[in-house]
Protein backbone atom coordinates (compact mmCIF):
# COMPACT_ATOMS: atom_id res chain seq x y z
CA MET A 1 25.12 132.04 -22.36
CA ARG A 2 27.47 134.23 -20.28
CA TYR A 3 25.96 137.40 -21.72
CA VAL A 4 22.37 136.31 -21.13
CA SER A 5 23.04 135.19 -17.57
CA LEU A 6 25.01 138.37 -16.83
CA GLY A 7 22.12 140.47 -18.14
CA LEU A 8 19.57 138.53 -16.08
CA ILE A 9 21.65 138.81 -12.92
CA LEU A 10 22.21 142.54 -13.40
CA PHE A 11 18.53 143.13 -14.15
CA GLY A 12 17.45 141.05 -11.15
CA PHE A 13 19.89 142.91 -8.90
CA TRP A 14 18.61 146.22 -10.23
CA LEU A 15 15.02 145.18 -9.50
CA LEU A 16 15.97 144.04 -6.02
CA LEU A 17 17.68 147.32 -5.18
CA SER A 18 15.07 149.51 -6.87
CA GLY A 19 11.96 148.25 -5.12
CA HIS A 20 9.78 150.17 -7.61
CA TYR A 21 8.03 148.25 -10.35
CA THR A 22 6.39 150.80 -12.62
CA THR A 23 6.64 150.11 -16.33
CA PHE A 24 9.03 152.98 -16.93
CA LEU A 25 11.42 152.00 -14.13
CA VAL A 26 11.41 148.31 -15.08
CA MET A 27 12.22 149.24 -18.68
CA ALA A 28 14.94 151.63 -17.48
CA GLY A 29 16.44 148.79 -15.43
CA PHE A 30 16.28 146.43 -18.39
CA MET A 31 17.97 148.98 -20.65
CA SER A 32 20.63 149.69 -18.02
CA ALA A 33 21.44 145.99 -17.70
CA PHE A 34 21.48 145.63 -21.49
CA LEU A 35 23.87 148.58 -21.90
CA VAL A 36 26.21 147.25 -19.19
CA VAL A 37 26.33 143.87 -20.95
CA CYS A 38 27.05 145.64 -24.25
CA PHE A 39 29.89 147.66 -22.68
CA ALA A 40 31.27 144.56 -20.94
CA SER A 41 31.19 142.71 -24.25
CA TYR A 42 32.97 145.57 -26.00
CA MET A 43 35.63 145.64 -23.26
CA GLN A 44 35.95 141.83 -23.49
CA VAL A 45 35.58 141.24 -19.74
CA VAL A 46 32.83 138.62 -19.94
CA ASP A 47 35.09 135.57 -19.90
CA ARG A 48 35.66 132.63 -17.54
CA GLU A 49 37.62 134.81 -15.14
CA GLY A 50 35.47 137.95 -15.35
CA PHE A 51 32.12 136.17 -15.11
CA PRO A 52 32.58 132.53 -14.05
CA ILE A 53 29.10 131.06 -14.48
CA GLU A 54 30.58 127.59 -13.99
CA LEU A 55 31.08 128.38 -10.30
CA TYR A 56 27.51 129.32 -9.40
CA ARG A 57 26.39 125.83 -8.43
CA GLY A 58 29.41 125.43 -6.15
CA LEU A 59 28.95 128.88 -4.65
CA LEU A 60 25.56 127.83 -3.27
CA THR A 61 27.34 125.52 -0.84
CA TYR A 62 30.62 127.44 -0.44
CA TRP A 63 29.22 130.82 0.60
CA PRO A 64 27.13 129.51 3.52
CA TRP A 65 30.14 127.51 4.77
CA LEU A 66 32.40 130.58 4.45
CA ILE A 67 29.91 132.79 6.30
CA VAL A 68 29.82 130.30 9.19
CA GLU A 69 33.64 130.20 9.25
CA ILE A 70 33.82 134.00 9.27
CA PHE A 71 31.35 134.13 12.16
CA LYS A 72 33.23 131.49 14.18
CA SER A 73 36.55 133.27 13.61
CA ALA A 74 35.03 136.63 14.50
CA LEU A 75 33.84 135.19 17.83
CA SER A 76 37.28 133.76 18.50
CA VAL A 77 39.03 137.06 17.73
CA THR A 78 36.48 138.95 19.86
CA LYS A 79 37.23 136.67 22.82
CA ILE A 80 40.95 137.33 22.40
CA ILE A 81 40.42 141.09 22.24
CA LEU A 82 38.22 141.11 25.34
CA ASP A 83 40.65 138.96 27.37
CA PRO A 84 42.85 141.25 29.50
CA SER A 85 45.93 139.05 28.99
CA LEU A 86 45.48 139.19 25.19
CA PRO A 87 46.56 135.58 24.45
CA ILE A 88 47.92 135.98 20.92
CA SER A 89 50.71 134.10 19.20
CA PRO A 90 51.25 135.75 15.81
CA ASN A 91 52.60 133.49 13.10
CA VAL A 92 53.65 133.89 9.49
CA PHE A 93 53.64 130.63 7.60
CA SER A 94 53.50 129.24 4.11
CA LEU A 95 50.47 127.27 3.00
CA ARG A 96 50.30 125.03 -0.06
CA SER A 97 47.18 125.52 -2.15
CA SER A 98 45.82 122.90 -4.54
CA GLN A 99 44.04 125.28 -6.90
CA LYS A 100 45.03 125.16 -10.56
CA THR A 101 43.77 128.52 -11.88
CA ALA A 102 44.47 132.13 -10.97
CA LEU A 103 40.79 132.52 -10.09
CA GLY A 104 40.94 129.56 -7.68
CA ILE A 105 44.10 130.80 -5.98
CA ASN A 106 42.59 134.27 -5.57
CA VAL A 107 39.35 132.86 -4.14
CA PHE A 108 41.42 130.85 -1.65
CA ALA A 109 43.56 133.85 -0.63
CA ASN A 110 40.50 136.09 -0.32
CA SER A 111 38.73 133.47 1.77
CA VAL A 112 41.74 133.33 4.11
CA THR A 113 41.73 137.13 4.37
CA LEU A 114 37.97 137.33 4.96
CA THR A 115 38.29 135.03 7.94
CA PRO A 116 39.09 137.22 10.98
CA GLY A 117 42.48 136.56 12.54
CA THR A 118 44.17 135.53 9.28
CA ILE A 119 45.38 137.43 6.25
CA ALA A 120 47.05 136.31 3.03
CA ILE A 121 50.12 138.49 2.56
CA ARG A 122 51.72 136.96 -0.56
CA LEU A 123 50.59 134.71 -3.39
CA ASP A 124 52.81 132.49 -5.46
CA VAL A 125 51.90 129.57 -7.68
CA ASN A 126 50.35 126.99 -5.31
CA ASN A 127 51.73 128.81 -2.28
CA VAL A 128 50.10 131.41 -0.04
CA VAL A 129 51.98 133.17 2.74
CA VAL A 130 49.58 133.79 5.63
CA HIS A 131 49.73 135.80 8.86
CA ALA A 132 47.63 134.30 11.65
CA LEU A 133 46.83 135.85 15.00
CA THR A 134 46.79 132.57 16.94
CA LYS A 135 48.15 129.03 16.77
CA GLU A 136 44.57 127.79 16.46
CA GLY A 137 44.20 129.83 13.28
CA VAL A 138 47.34 128.21 11.88
CA ALA A 139 46.11 124.73 12.78
CA ASP A 140 42.70 125.42 11.29
CA LEU A 141 44.18 126.46 7.95
CA LYS A 142 46.71 123.64 7.91
CA ARG A 143 43.88 121.11 8.31
CA GLY A 144 43.07 122.00 4.72
CA GLU A 145 39.27 122.17 4.75
CA MET A 146 39.20 125.63 3.18
CA ASP A 147 41.69 124.57 0.52
CA ALA A 148 39.65 121.46 -0.31
CA ARG A 149 36.39 123.43 -0.50
CA VAL A 150 37.89 126.08 -2.78
CA THR A 151 39.34 123.35 -5.01
CA ARG A 152 35.87 121.74 -5.27
CA LEU A 153 34.42 125.16 -6.04
CA GLU A 154 37.06 125.74 -8.72
CA ARG A 155 36.08 122.46 -10.38
CA GLY A 156 32.42 123.56 -10.40
CA LYS A 157 31.18 121.01 -7.87
């Protein structure tokens, strides 16, 4: 099932980017997707970590939430930058994560880093060291909503 879904996603992405639907180009896209799946199979990278199809249902709710969080954080950081007094209070702190897999911990750390004003600087088992630009950023992460959402995503919900 992973190989079929990978091939369909690659072919669909190729069609989306191509924008041309002549028979030759559609067949070229199909063959390209097929060859990539064959190479990925040969390299043994189509596994739960390399292509986690279990997460797709959860990603449909996680990505929109993350995009909103990125936008809100970007506005907050923009306000700080535009303020002449530059009201920052940099902090480095340790944050417990409840994810059980390497994929989950990496998704959590990347989500922290994607959110403007925060960056994950070190990962340990169930522990992420984070640098935050403001105390509000620290409080927001310590509330644990991002951790809970990534844990739900990791479980495929």
